[in-house]
């Protein structure tokens, strides 16, 4: 996907707060708060680990808590089994 296409894509058209999904962690510790990164529907989603220590490749059950124009925020509910 080109940079221009990514800028045109509005995350609010694909994701909603309260939505629960399974996701794979793509990157850890992406900010000072220890958030991880995944993509849902090709939207960058920053994941708060809660009580879990996340590693690259972990599969987790998450809840979308906020959706902006260009990204979403989520919280880990549990590790997926």
C-alpha atoms as a PDB file:
ATOM      1  CA  UNK A   1       0.000   0.000   0.000  1.00  0.00           C
ATOM      2  CA  UNK A   2       1.395   3.379  -0.916  1.00  0.00           C
ATOM      3  CA  UNK A   3       1.864   6.176   1.591  1.00  0.00           C
ATOM      4  CA  UNK A   4      -0.837   8.250  -0.121  1.00  0.00           C
ATOM      5  CA  UNK A   5      -3.339   5.390   0.105  1.00  0.00           C
ATOM      6  CA  UNK A   6      -2.573   4.943   3.805  1.00  0.00           C
ATOM      7  CA  UNK A   7      -3.225   8.641   4.401  1.00  0.00           C
ATOM      8  CA  UNK A   8      -6.590   8.434   2.611  1.00  0.00           C
ATOM      9  CA  UNK A   9      -7.732   5.439   4.667  1.00  0.00           C
ATOM     10  CA  UNK A  10      -9.862   6.426   7.677  1.00  0.00           C
ATOM     11  CA  UNK A  11      -9.583   3.889  10.496  1.00  0.00           C
ATOM     12  CA  UNK A  12     -13.067   4.846  11.721  1.00  0.00           C
ATOM     13  CA  UNK A  13     -14.554   3.328   8.567  1.00  0.00           C
ATOM     14  CA  UNK A  14     -13.152  -0.124   9.409  1.00  0.00           C
ATOM     15  CA  UNK A  15     -12.907  -0.340  13.209  1.00  0.00           C
ATOM     16  CA  UNK A  16     -15.159   0.558  16.118  1.00  0.00           C
ATOM     17  CA  UNK A  17     -14.550   1.027  19.823  1.00  0.00           C
ATOM     18  CA  UNK A  18     -15.659  -2.040  21.742  1.00  0.00           C
ATOM     19  CA  UNK A  19     -14.800  -4.426  18.904  1.00  0.00           C
ATOM     20  CA  UNK A  20     -12.943  -7.556  20.073  1.00  0.00           C
ATOM     21  CA  UNK A  21     -10.523  -9.344  17.761  1.00  0.00           C
ATOM     22  CA  UNK A  22      -7.603 -11.736  17.733  1.00  0.00           C
ATOM     23  CA  UNK A  23      -4.332 -10.129  16.653  1.00  0.00           C
ATOM     24  CA  UNK A  24      -0.654 -10.977  16.247  1.00  0.00           C
ATOM     25  CA  UNK A  25       1.892  -8.644  17.843  1.00  0.00           C
ATOM     26  CA  UNK A  26       4.189  -7.194  15.163  1.00  0.00           C
ATOM     27  CA  UNK A  27       6.398  -4.998  17.348  1.00  0.00           C
ATOM     28  CA  UNK A  28       6.836  -4.409  21.075  1.00  0.00           C
ATOM     29  CA  UNK A  29       7.716  -1.360  23.168  1.00  0.00           C
ATOM     30  CA  UNK A  30       6.828   1.141  20.447  1.00  0.00           C
ATOM     31  CA  UNK A  31       6.510   3.996  22.950  1.00  0.00           C
ATOM     32  CA  UNK A  32       7.459   4.964  26.495  1.00  0.00           C
ATOM     33  CA  UNK A  33       4.249   3.374  27.842  1.00  0.00           C
ATOM     34  CA  UNK A  34       5.277  -0.094  26.631  1.00  0.00           C
ATOM     35  CA  UNK A  35       2.604  -0.376  23.955  1.00  0.00           C
ATOM     36  CA  UNK A  36       2.918  -2.973  21.223  1.00  0.00           C
ATOM     37  CA  UNK A  37       1.893  -2.693  17.589  1.00  0.00           C
ATOM     38  CA  UNK A  38      -0.390  -4.820  15.444  1.00  0.00           C
ATOM     39  CA  UNK A  39      -2.487  -4.215  12.348  1.00  0.00           C
ATOM     40  CA  UNK A  40      -6.202  -4.878  12.131  1.00  0.00           C
ATOM     41  CA  UNK A  41      -7.903  -4.425   8.764  1.00  0.00           C
ATOM     42  CA  UNK A  42      -4.551  -2.909   7.696  1.00  0.00           C
ATOM     43  CA  UNK A  43      -4.931  -0.186  10.374  1.00  0.00           C
ATOM     44  CA  UNK A  44      -2.030   0.411  12.770  1.00  0.00           C
ATOM     45  CA  UNK A  45      -3.280  -0.498  16.209  1.00  0.00           C
ATOM     46  CA  UNK A  46      -1.346   0.344  19.353  1.00  0.00           C
ATOM     47  CA  UNK A  47      -1.904  -2.271  22.040  1.00  0.00           C
ATOM     48  CA  UNK A  48      -1.666  -1.660  25.789  1.00  0.00           C
ATOM     49  CA  UNK A  49      -0.341  -4.896  27.282  1.00  0.00           C
ATOM     50  CA  UNK A  50      -2.172  -4.627  30.604  1.00  0.00           C
ATOM     51  CA  UNK A  51      -0.902  -7.431  32.834  1.00  0.00           C
ATOM     52  CA  UNK A  52       0.776  -9.317  29.965  1.00  0.00           C
ATOM     53  CA  UNK A  53       4.372  -9.245  28.789  1.00  0.00           C
ATOM     54  CA  UNK A  54       4.139  -9.190  25.031  1.00  0.00           C
ATOM     55  CA  UNK A  55       6.655 -10.505  22.540  1.00  0.00           C
ATOM     56  CA  UNK A  56       6.827 -10.359  18.767  1.00  0.00           C
ATOM     57  CA  UNK A  57       4.566 -13.026  17.277  1.00  0.00           C
ATOM     58  CA  UNK A  58       2.268 -13.403  20.307  1.00  0.00           C
ATOM     59  CA  UNK A  59      -1.371 -13.976  19.422  1.00  0.00           C
ATOM     60  CA  UNK A  60      -3.688 -12.053  21.724  1.00  0.00           C
ATOM     61  CA  UNK A  61      -7.391 -11.336  22.185  1.00  0.00           C
ATOM     62  CA  UNK A  62      -7.806  -7.534  22.257  1.00  0.00           C
ATOM     63  CA  UNK A  63     -10.525  -4.957  22.655  1.00  0.00           C
ATOM     64  CA  UNK A  64     -10.465  -1.768  20.570  1.00  0.00           C
ATOM     65  CA  UNK A  65     -10.828   1.121  23.023  1.00  0.00           C
ATOM     66  CA  UNK A  66     -10.361   4.133  20.728  1.00  0.00           C
ATOM     67  CA  UNK A  67     -10.324   4.741  16.984  1.00  0.00           C
ATOM     68  CA  UNK A  68      -8.865   7.835  15.363  1.00  0.00           C
ATOM     69  CA  UNK A  69      -8.496   8.824  11.733  1.00  0.00           C
ATOM     70  CA  UNK A  70      -5.164   7.096  11.180  1.00  0.00           C
ATOM     71  CA  UNK A  71      -4.844   4.479  13.942  1.00  0.00           C
ATOM     72  CA  UNK A  72      -6.572   2.648  16.776  1.00  0.00           C
ATOM     73  CA  UNK A  73      -5.804   1.907  20.422  1.00  0.00           C
ATOM     74  CA  UNK A  74      -6.524  -1.459  22.045  1.00  0.00           C
ATOM     75  CA  UNK A  75      -6.137  -3.344  25.307  1.00  0.00           C
ATOM     76  CA  UNK A  76      -5.070  -6.977  25.703  1.00  0.00           C
ATOM     77  CA  UNK A  77      -7.844  -9.073  27.231  1.00  0.00           C
ATOM     78  CA  UNK A  78      -5.970 -12.390  27.171  1.00  0.00           C
ATOM     79  CA  UNK A  79      -3.548 -14.525  25.253  1.00  0.00           C
ATOM     80  CA  UNK A  80      -5.255 -16.422  22.454  1.00  0.00           C
ATOM     81  CA  UNK A  81      -5.245 -20.186  22.783  1.00  0.00           C
END
